[in-house]
Amino acid sequence: MELQIIARIHTDLPTKFGIPRQSGLVDALEGTIVFEPEYRKPEALRGIEGFSHIWLLWEFSACSDAPWRPTVRPPRLGGNTRMGVFATRSPYRPNSIGLSCVRLLGVEHTAEQGTVLHVCGADLMDGTPIFDIKPYLPYADAHPDARGGFAAGAPEPLRVAFADGAEARIPPAKLEALRGLLAQDPRPAYQADAARIYGVPFAGLDVRFRVDGDLLTVVEVIPAPAHA
């Protein structure tokens, strides 16, 4: 079976670094789903506005050429313990397909791009190809008694602070999303150098930070370099 790209999502995250490890962790992160010309048919979305959440089936496009790995090192286990790839949500799979549940903010009809979907809580890089969209059904998709294995509880968020002047360089409309993103600790799980400066591209900015214990401090915010 050959999968067809039906749409692409546009977000403030141009690279893999900084993307939340799961959907729904940072609800303030917004995105816009734009359909490919062939699928810009309003009747294909008839009724979707009645659902609060939708499932996205998408491609790990930044890793699609990488070989699959039977075992991987989940960040939740510190990046040191190996688990089976099918017991994780790692992108290094035989088929580089991801699944995310996002909140549907609205449906907009535009002249240039047809009907677009505005969502939030996505864990997708800007430009990610989407293969399918399905409604989230609370009675069927929610299981309060489900067991979560080694990822049973949500990770404890970091505290986020800004050095003098850094916060003022963030557009106010983007500040809540950035705080939520940074609180999830974008660093690789195996790195814990309190002196190291990291940079996460976000909304056209390069947000540079360091982490000491449970405190993440943004030390500088500069225009981000262009990404191909």
C-alpha atoms as a PDB file:
ATOM      1  CA  MET A   1       0.000   0.000   0.000  1.00  0.00           C
ATOM      2  CA  GLU A   2       1.289   3.444  -0.904  1.00  0.00           C
ATOM      3  CA  LEU A   3       0.331   6.180   1.563  1.00  0.00           C
ATOM      4  CA  GLN A   4      -0.762   9.541   0.225  1.00  0.00           C
ATOM      5  CA  ILE A   5       0.245  12.797   1.924  1.00  0.00           C
ATOM      6  CA  ILE A   6      -3.074  14.571   2.438  1.00  0.00           C
ATOM      7  CA  ALA A   7      -1.805  17.627   4.333  1.00  0.00           C
ATOM      8  CA  ARG A   8       1.093  19.244   6.138  1.00  0.00           C
ATOM      9  CA  ILE A   9       1.134  20.920   9.516  1.00  0.00           C
ATOM     10  CA  HIS A  10       2.773  24.283  10.127  1.00  0.00           C
ATOM     11  CA  THR A  11       4.139  24.992  13.593  1.00  0.00           C
ATOM     12  CA  ASP A  12       6.697  27.229  15.319  1.00  0.00           C
ATOM     13  CA  LEU A  13       9.199  24.344  15.543  1.00  0.00           C
ATOM     14  CA  PRO A  14      11.437  24.124  12.452  1.00  0.00           C
ATOM     15  CA  THR A  15      13.699  21.323  13.756  1.00  0.00           C
ATOM     16  CA  LYS A  16      13.366  18.144  15.825  1.00  0.00           C
ATOM     17  CA  PHE A  17      15.121  19.725  18.804  1.00  0.00           C
ATOM     18  CA  GLY A  18      12.631  21.130  21.271  1.00  0.00           C
ATOM     19  CA  ILE A  19       9.566  19.265  20.050  1.00  0.00           C
ATOM     20  CA  PRO A  20       7.524  17.899  22.992  1.00  0.00           C
ATOM     21  CA  ARG A  21       8.002  14.157  23.387  1.00  0.00           C
ATOM     22  CA  GLN A  22       4.253  13.535  23.293  1.00  0.00           C
ATOM     23  CA  SER A  23       1.220  15.377  22.024  1.00  0.00           C
ATOM     24  CA  GLY A  24      -0.867  17.253  24.565  1.00  0.00           C
ATOM     25  CA  LEU A  25       2.031  18.087  26.883  1.00  0.00           C
ATOM     26  CA  VAL A  26       2.123  21.735  25.764  1.00  0.00           C
ATOM     27  CA  ASP A  27      -1.432  22.764  24.964  1.00  0.00           C
ATOM     28  CA  ALA A  28      -0.400  26.337  24.087  1.00  0.00           C
ATOM     29  CA  LEU A  29       1.636  25.165  21.077  1.00  0.00           C
ATOM     30  CA  GLU A  30      -0.564  25.907  18.073  1.00  0.00           C
ATOM     31  CA  GLY A  31      -0.393  24.635  14.517  1.00  0.00           C
ATOM     32  CA  THR A  32      -2.254  24.933  11.226  1.00  0.00           C
ATOM     33  CA  ILE A  33      -3.035  21.947   9.009  1.00  0.00           C
ATOM     34  CA  VAL A  34      -3.043  22.822   5.314  1.00  0.00           C
ATOM     35  CA  PHE A  35      -4.327  20.205   2.879  1.00  0.00           C
ATOM     36  CA  GLU A  36      -2.618  19.294  -0.362  1.00  0.00           C
ATOM     37  CA  PRO A  37      -4.469  20.707  -3.426  1.00  0.00           C
ATOM     38  CA  GLU A  38      -5.959  17.321  -4.329  1.00  0.00           C
ATOM     39  CA  TYR A  39      -7.622  17.029  -0.921  1.00  0.00           C
ATOM     40  CA  ARG A  40      -8.872  20.610  -0.499  1.00  0.00           C
ATOM     41  CA  LYS A  41     -12.487  19.536  -0.619  1.00  0.00           C
ATOM     42  CA  PRO A  42     -14.675  21.088   2.099  1.00  0.00           C
ATOM     43  CA  GLU A  43     -17.080  18.130   2.044  1.00  0.00           C
ATOM     44  CA  ALA A  44     -14.250  15.842   3.209  1.00  0.00           C
ATOM     45  CA  LEU A  45     -14.277  17.719   6.539  1.00  0.00           C
ATOM     46  CA  ARG A  46     -18.038  17.992   6.950  1.00  0.00           C
ATOM     47  CA  GLY A  47     -18.894  17.410  10.608  1.00  0.00           C
ATOM     48  CA  ILE A  48     -15.358  17.640  11.987  1.00  0.00           C
ATOM     49  CA  GLU A  49     -16.142  20.861  13.862  1.00  0.00           C
ATOM     50  CA  GLY A  50     -18.317  18.783  16.195  1.00  0.00           C
ATOM     51  CA  PHE A  51     -15.251  17.086  17.698  1.00  0.00           C
ATOM     52  CA  SER A  52     -12.992  18.698  20.277  1.00  0.00           C
ATOM     53  CA  HIS A  53      -9.961  16.505  19.470  1.00  0.00           C
ATOM     54  CA  ILE A  54      -8.636  14.675  16.424  1.00  0.00           C
ATOM     55  CA  TRP A  55      -6.045  12.003  15.712  1.00  0.00           C
ATOM     56  CA  LEU A  56      -3.240  12.757  13.272  1.00  0.00           C
ATOM     57  CA  LEU A  57      -1.428   9.956  11.467  1.00  0.00           C
ATOM     58  CA  TRP A  58       1.854  11.387  10.192  1.00  0.00           C
ATOM     59  CA  GLU A  59       5.388  10.690   9.006  1.00  0.00           C
ATOM     60  CA  PHE A  60       8.588  11.039  11.024  1.00  0.00           C
ATOM     61  CA  SER A  61       9.939  12.896   7.990  1.00  0.00           C
ATOM     62  CA  ALA A  62      13.193  13.950   9.657  1.00  0.00           C
ATOM     63  CA  CYS A  63      14.011  10.279  10.373  1.00  0.00           C
ATOM     64  CA  SER A  64      12.387   8.527   7.418  1.00  0.00           C
ATOM     65  CA  ASP A  65      15.722   7.486   5.879  1.00  0.00           C
ATOM     66  CA  ALA A  66      17.166   6.128   9.133  1.00  0.00           C
ATOM     67  CA  PRO A  67      17.220   2.325   9.594  1.00  0.00           C
ATOM     68  CA  TRP A  68      14.827   0.863  12.114  1.00  0.00           C
ATOM     69  CA  ARG A  69      16.161  -0.284  15.461  1.00  0.00           C
ATOM     70  CA  PRO A  70      14.780  -3.266  17.376  1.00  0.00           C
ATOM     71  CA  THR A  71      15.717  -1.584  20.666  1.00  0.00           C
ATOM     72  CA  VAL A  72      15.886   2.113  21.544  1.00  0.00           C
ATOM     73  CA  ARG A  73      16.718   4.241  24.584  1.00  0.00           C
ATOM     74  CA  PRO A  74      13.573   6.067  25.763  1.00  0.00           C
ATOM     75  CA  PRO A  75      14.186   9.553  27.200  1.00  0.00           C
ATOM     76  CA  ARG A  76      11.843   8.711  30.087  1.00  0.00           C
ATOM     77  CA  LEU A  77      14.404   6.151  31.302  1.00  0.00           C
ATOM     78  CA  GLY A  78      17.297   8.600  31.183  1.00  0.00           C
ATOM     79  CA  GLY A  79      18.505   7.556  27.755  1.00  0.00           C
ATOM     80  CA  ASN A  80      20.523   4.673  29.213  1.00  0.00           C
ATOM     81  CA  THR A  81      18.063   1.756  29.323  1.00  0.00           C
ATOM     82  CA  ARG A  82      17.080  -0.059  26.148  1.00  0.00           C
ATOM     83  CA  MET A  83      13.510  -1.115  25.442  1.00  0.00           C
ATOM     84  CA  GLY A  84      11.874  -2.751  22.437  1.00  0.00           C
ATOM     85  CA  VAL A  85      10.960  -0.249  19.739  1.00  0.00           C
ATOM     86  CA  PHE A  86       7.357  -1.475  19.721  1.00  0.00           C
ATOM     87  CA  ALA A  87       7.136  -0.713  23.456  1.00  0.00           C
ATOM     88  CA  THR A  88       8.049   2.927  22.766  1.00  0.00           C
ATOM     89  CA  ARG A  89       7.096   5.834  20.537  1.00  0.00           C
ATOM     90  CA  SER A  90      10.565   6.148  19.026  1.00  0.00           C
ATOM     91  CA  PRO A  91      10.752   7.395  15.412  1.00  0.00           C
ATOM     92  CA  TYR A  92      13.210   4.633  14.429  1.00  0.00           C
ATOM     93  CA  ARG A  93      10.559   2.164  13.299  1.00  0.00           C
ATOM     94  CA  PRO A  94      10.150  -0.152  10.290  1.00  0.00           C
ATOM     95  CA  ASN A  95       7.478   2.281   9.092  1.00  0.00           C
ATOM     96  CA  SER A  96       8.213   5.842  10.182  1.00  0.00           C
ATOM     97  CA  ILE A  97       4.634   6.625  11.207  1.00  0.00           C
ATOM     98  CA  GLY A  98       3.600   8.747  14.174  1.00  0.00           C
ATOM     99  CA  LEU A  99       0.245   9.128  15.913  1.00  0.00           C
ATOM    100  CA  SER A 100      -0.828  12.238  17.822  1.00  0.00           C
ATOM    101  CA  CYS A 101      -4.002  13.431  19.474  1.00  0.00           C
ATOM    102  CA  VAL A 102      -4.463  17.210  19.197  1.00  0.00           C
ATOM    103  CA  ARG A 103      -7.172  19.649  20.214  1.00  0.00           C
ATOM    104  CA  LEU A 104      -9.156  21.159  17.352  1.00  0.00           C
ATOM    105  CA  LEU A 105      -9.360  24.919  17.821  1.00  0.00           C
ATOM    106  CA  GLY A 106     -11.301  25.710  14.686  1.00  0.00           C
ATOM    107  CA  VAL A 107     -12.016  25.199  11.005  1.00  0.00           C
ATOM    108  CA  GLU A 108     -11.245  28.077   8.656  1.00  0.00           C
ATOM    109  CA  HIS A 109     -12.241  28.445   5.010  1.00  0.00           C
ATOM    110  CA  THR A 110      -9.616  30.399   3.065  1.00  0.00           C
ATOM    111  CA  ALA A 111      -9.386  31.555  -0.526  1.00  0.00           C
ATOM    112  CA  GLU A 112      -5.768  30.478  -1.103  1.00  0.00           C
ATOM    113  CA  GLN A 113      -5.439  27.251   0.888  1.00  0.00           C
ATOM    114  CA  GLY A 114      -8.979  25.943   1.034  1.00  0.00           C
ATOM    115  CA  THR A 115     -10.254  24.672   4.366  1.00  0.00           C
ATOM    116  CA  VAL A 116      -7.553  24.597   7.052  1.00  0.00           C
ATOM    117  CA  LEU A 117      -7.614  23.220  10.589  1.00  0.00           C
ATOM    118  CA  HIS A 118      -6.248  25.099  13.578  1.00  0.00           C
ATOM    119  CA  VAL A 119      -5.032  22.785  16.345  1.00  0.00           C
ATOM    120  CA  CYS A 120      -3.031  22.919  19.550  1.00  0.00           C
ATOM    121  CA  GLY A 121      -0.988  20.512  21.631  1.00  0.00           C
ATOM    122  CA  ALA A 122       0.806  19.025  18.626  1.00  0.00           C
ATOM    123  CA  ASP A 123       4.244  17.402  18.885  1.00  0.00           C
ATOM    124  CA  LEU A 124       5.064  17.874  15.202  1.00  0.00           C
ATOM    125  CA  MET A 125       7.820  19.705  13.365  1.00  0.00           C
ATOM    126  CA  ASP A 126       6.920  22.430  10.892  1.00  0.00           C
ATOM    127  CA  GLY A 127       6.091  20.912   7.504  1.00  0.00           C
ATOM    128  CA  THR A 128       5.434  17.388   8.798  1.00  0.00           C
ATOM    129  CA  PRO A 129       3.459  15.318   6.253  1.00  0.00           C
ATOM    130  CA  ILE A 130       0.079  14.039   7.447  1.00  0.00           C
ATOM    131  CA  PHE A 131      -1.349  10.790   6.086  1.00  0.00           C
ATOM    132  CA  ASP A 132      -4.751  10.766   7.746  1.00  0.00           C
ATOM    133  CA  ILE A 133      -7.052  12.556  10.185  1.00  0.00           C
ATOM    134  CA  LYS A 134      -9.637  10.822  12.355  1.00  0.00           C
ATOM    135  CA  PRO A 135     -11.965  12.096  15.103  1.00  0.00           C
ATOM    136  CA  TYR A 136     -11.136  11.350  18.724  1.00  0.00           C
ATOM    137  CA  LEU A 137     -14.030   9.476  20.350  1.00  0.00           C
ATOM    138  CA  PRO A 138     -14.107   9.901  24.150  1.00  0.00           C
ATOM    139  CA  TYR A 139     -16.145   6.742  24.772  1.00  0.00           C
ATOM    140  CA  ALA A 140     -13.790   4.575  22.682  1.00  0.00           C
ATOM    141  CA  ASP A 141     -10.384   6.257  22.888  1.00  0.00           C
ATOM    142  CA  ALA A 142     -10.223   7.138  26.600  1.00  0.00           C
ATOM    143  CA  HIS A 143      -9.383   4.351  29.043  1.00  0.00           C
ATOM    144  CA  PRO A 144      -8.953   5.695  32.626  1.00  0.00           C
ATOM    145  CA  ASP A 145      -7.923   2.264  33.908  1.00  0.00           C
ATOM    146  CA  ALA A 146      -5.142   1.790  31.330  1.00  0.00           C
ATOM    147  CA  ARG A 147      -1.621   0.943  32.528  1.00  0.00           C
ATOM    148  CA  GLY A 148       1.255   3.112  31.326  1.00  0.00           C
ATOM    149  CA  GLY A 149       4.243   0.783  31.722  1.00  0.00           C
ATOM    150  CA  PHE A 150       7.524   2.629  32.251  1.00  0.00           C
ATOM    151  CA  ALA A 151       5.820   5.916  31.226  1.00  0.00           C
ATOM    152  CA  ALA A 152       2.895   5.732  33.636  1.00  0.00           C
ATOM    153  CA  GLY A 153       3.094   9.303  34.904  1.00  0.00           C
ATOM    154  CA  ALA A 154       3.767  12.614  33.201  1.00  0.00           C
ATOM    155  CA  PRO A 155       7.344  13.871  33.680  1.00  0.00           C
ATOM    156  CA  GLU A 156       7.851  16.553  36.310  1.00  0.00           C
ATOM    157  CA  PRO A 157       8.218  19.903  34.495  1.00  0.00           C
ATOM    158  CA  LEU A 158      11.194  22.180  34.992  1.00  0.00           C
ATOM    159  CA  ARG A 159      10.916  25.658  36.432  1.00  0.00           C
ATOM    160  CA  VAL A 160      11.551  28.271  33.730  1.00  0.00           C
ATOM    161  CA  ALA A 161      13.232  31.635  34.315  1.00  0.00           C
ATOM    162  CA  PHE A 162      14.574  34.351  32.021  1.00  0.00           C
ATOM    163  CA  ALA A 163      17.803  36.322  32.348  1.00  0.00           C
ATOM    164  CA  ASP A 164      17.513  40.117  32.229  1.00  0.00           C
ATOM    165  CA  GLY A 165      15.948  41.265  28.985  1.00  0.00           C
ATOM    166  CA  ALA A 166      15.470  37.808  27.483  1.00  0.00           C
ATOM    167  CA  GLU A 167      11.742  37.523  28.110  1.00  0.00           C
ATOM    168  CA  ALA A 168      11.076  40.867  26.423  1.00  0.00           C
ATOM    169  CA  ARG A 169      12.346  39.465  23.125  1.00  0.00           C
ATOM    170  CA  ILE A 170       9.603  36.834  22.994  1.00  0.00           C
ATOM    171  CA  PRO A 171       6.354  37.921  21.292  1.00  0.00           C
ATOM    172  CA  PRO A 172       3.698  37.969  24.059  1.00  0.00           C
ATOM    173  CA  ALA A 173       1.424  35.657  22.046  1.00  0.00           C
ATOM    174  CA  LYS A 174       4.183  33.014  21.949  1.00  0.00           C
ATOM    175  CA  LEU A 175       5.395  33.251  25.540  1.00  0.00           C
ATOM    176  CA  GLU A 176       3.052  30.706  27.118  1.00  0.00           C
ATOM    177  CA  ALA A 177       3.862  28.107  24.451  1.00  0.00           C
ATOM    178  CA  LEU A 178       7.597  28.669  24.848  1.00  0.00           C
ATOM    179  CA  ARG A 179       7.407  28.328  28.626  1.00  0.00           C
ATOM    180  CA  GLY A 180       5.506  25.072  28.263  1.00  0.00           C
ATOM    181  CA  LEU A 181       7.957  23.737  25.705  1.00  0.00           C
ATOM    182  CA  LEU A 182      11.009  24.558  27.821  1.00  0.00           C
ATOM    183  CA  ALA A 183       9.418  23.123  30.962  1.00  0.00           C
ATOM    184  CA  GLN A 184       9.403  19.724  29.224  1.00  0.00           C
ATOM    185  CA  ASP A 185      13.251  19.843  29.115  1.00  0.00           C
ATOM    186  CA  PRO A 186      14.269  19.679  25.427  1.00  0.00           C
ATOM    187  CA  ARG A 187      17.769  18.375  26.220  1.00  0.00           C
ATOM    188  CA  PRO A 188      18.823  14.825  25.314  1.00  0.00           C
ATOM    189  CA  ALA A 189      18.121  12.648  28.338  1.00  0.00           C
ATOM    190  CA  TYR A 190      21.767  11.672  28.754  1.00  0.00           C
ATOM    191  CA  GLN A 191      23.067  15.269  29.009  1.00  0.00           C
ATOM    192  CA  ALA A 192      23.096  17.024  32.377  1.00  0.00           C
ATOM    193  CA  ASP A 193      25.914  19.589  32.157  1.00  0.00           C
ATOM    194  CA  ALA A 194      24.706  22.664  34.079  1.00  0.00           C
ATOM    195  CA  ALA A 195      27.206  24.889  32.260  1.00  0.00           C
ATOM    196  CA  ARG A 196      26.239  23.858  28.728  1.00  0.00           C
ATOM    197  CA  ILE A 197      24.224  26.318  26.648  1.00  0.00           C
ATOM    198  CA  TYR A 198      21.543  24.847  24.373  1.00  0.00           C
ATOM    199  CA  GLY A 199      19.619  26.574  21.623  1.00  0.00           C
ATOM    200  CA  VAL A 200      16.110  25.674  20.522  1.00  0.00           C
ATOM    201  CA  PRO A 201      14.653  27.240  17.344  1.00  0.00           C
ATOM    202  CA  PHE A 202      11.155  28.552  18.033  1.00  0.00           C
ATOM    203  CA  ALA A 203       8.923  30.992  16.138  1.00  0.00           C
ATOM    204  CA  GLY A 204      11.824  32.472  14.185  1.00  0.00           C
ATOM    205  CA  LEU A 205      14.013  32.826  17.267  1.00  0.00           C
ATOM    206  CA  ASP A 206      16.997  30.968  18.696  1.00  0.00           C
ATOM    207  CA  VAL A 207      16.202  30.572  22.393  1.00  0.00           C
ATOM    208  CA  ARG A 208      19.379  29.767  24.297  1.00  0.00           C
ATOM    209  CA  PHE A 209      19.187  28.229  27.746  1.00  0.00           C
ATOM    210  CA  ARG A 210      20.955  26.193  30.384  1.00  0.00           C
ATOM    211  CA  VAL A 211      19.612  23.842  33.045  1.00  0.00           C
ATOM    212  CA  ASP A 212      20.781  23.475  36.629  1.00  0.00           C
ATOM    213  CA  GLY A 213      18.818  20.898  38.590  1.00  0.00           C
ATOM    214  CA  ASP A 214      15.130  21.599  38.045  1.00  0.00           C
ATOM    215  CA  LEU A 215      15.675  25.203  36.926  1.00  0.00           C
ATOM    216  CA  LEU A 216      15.933  26.119  33.240  1.00  0.00           C
ATOM    217  CA  THR A 217      17.175  29.640  32.591  1.00  0.00           C
ATOM    218  CA  VAL A 218      16.857  31.371  29.218  1.00  0.00           C
ATOM    219  CA  VAL A 219      20.090  33.316  28.878  1.00  0.00           C
ATOM    220  CA  GLU A 220      19.692  34.808  25.399  1.00  0.00           C
ATOM    221  CA  VAL A 221      17.149  35.169  22.601  1.00  0.00           C
ATOM    222  CA  ILE A 222      18.374  36.008  19.090  1.00  0.00           C
ATOM    223  CA  PRO A 223      16.956  35.686  15.552  1.00  0.00           C
ATOM    224  CA  ALA A 224      17.169  32.080  14.396  1.00  0.00           C
ATOM    225  CA  PRO A 225      19.221  31.194  11.318  1.00  0.00           C
ATOM    226  CA  ALA A 226      17.217  30.123   8.297  1.00  0.00           C
ATOM    227  CA  HIS A 227      16.574  26.367   7.924  1.00  0.00           C
ATOM    228  CA  ALA A 228      16.412  24.663   4.559  1.00  0.00           C
END
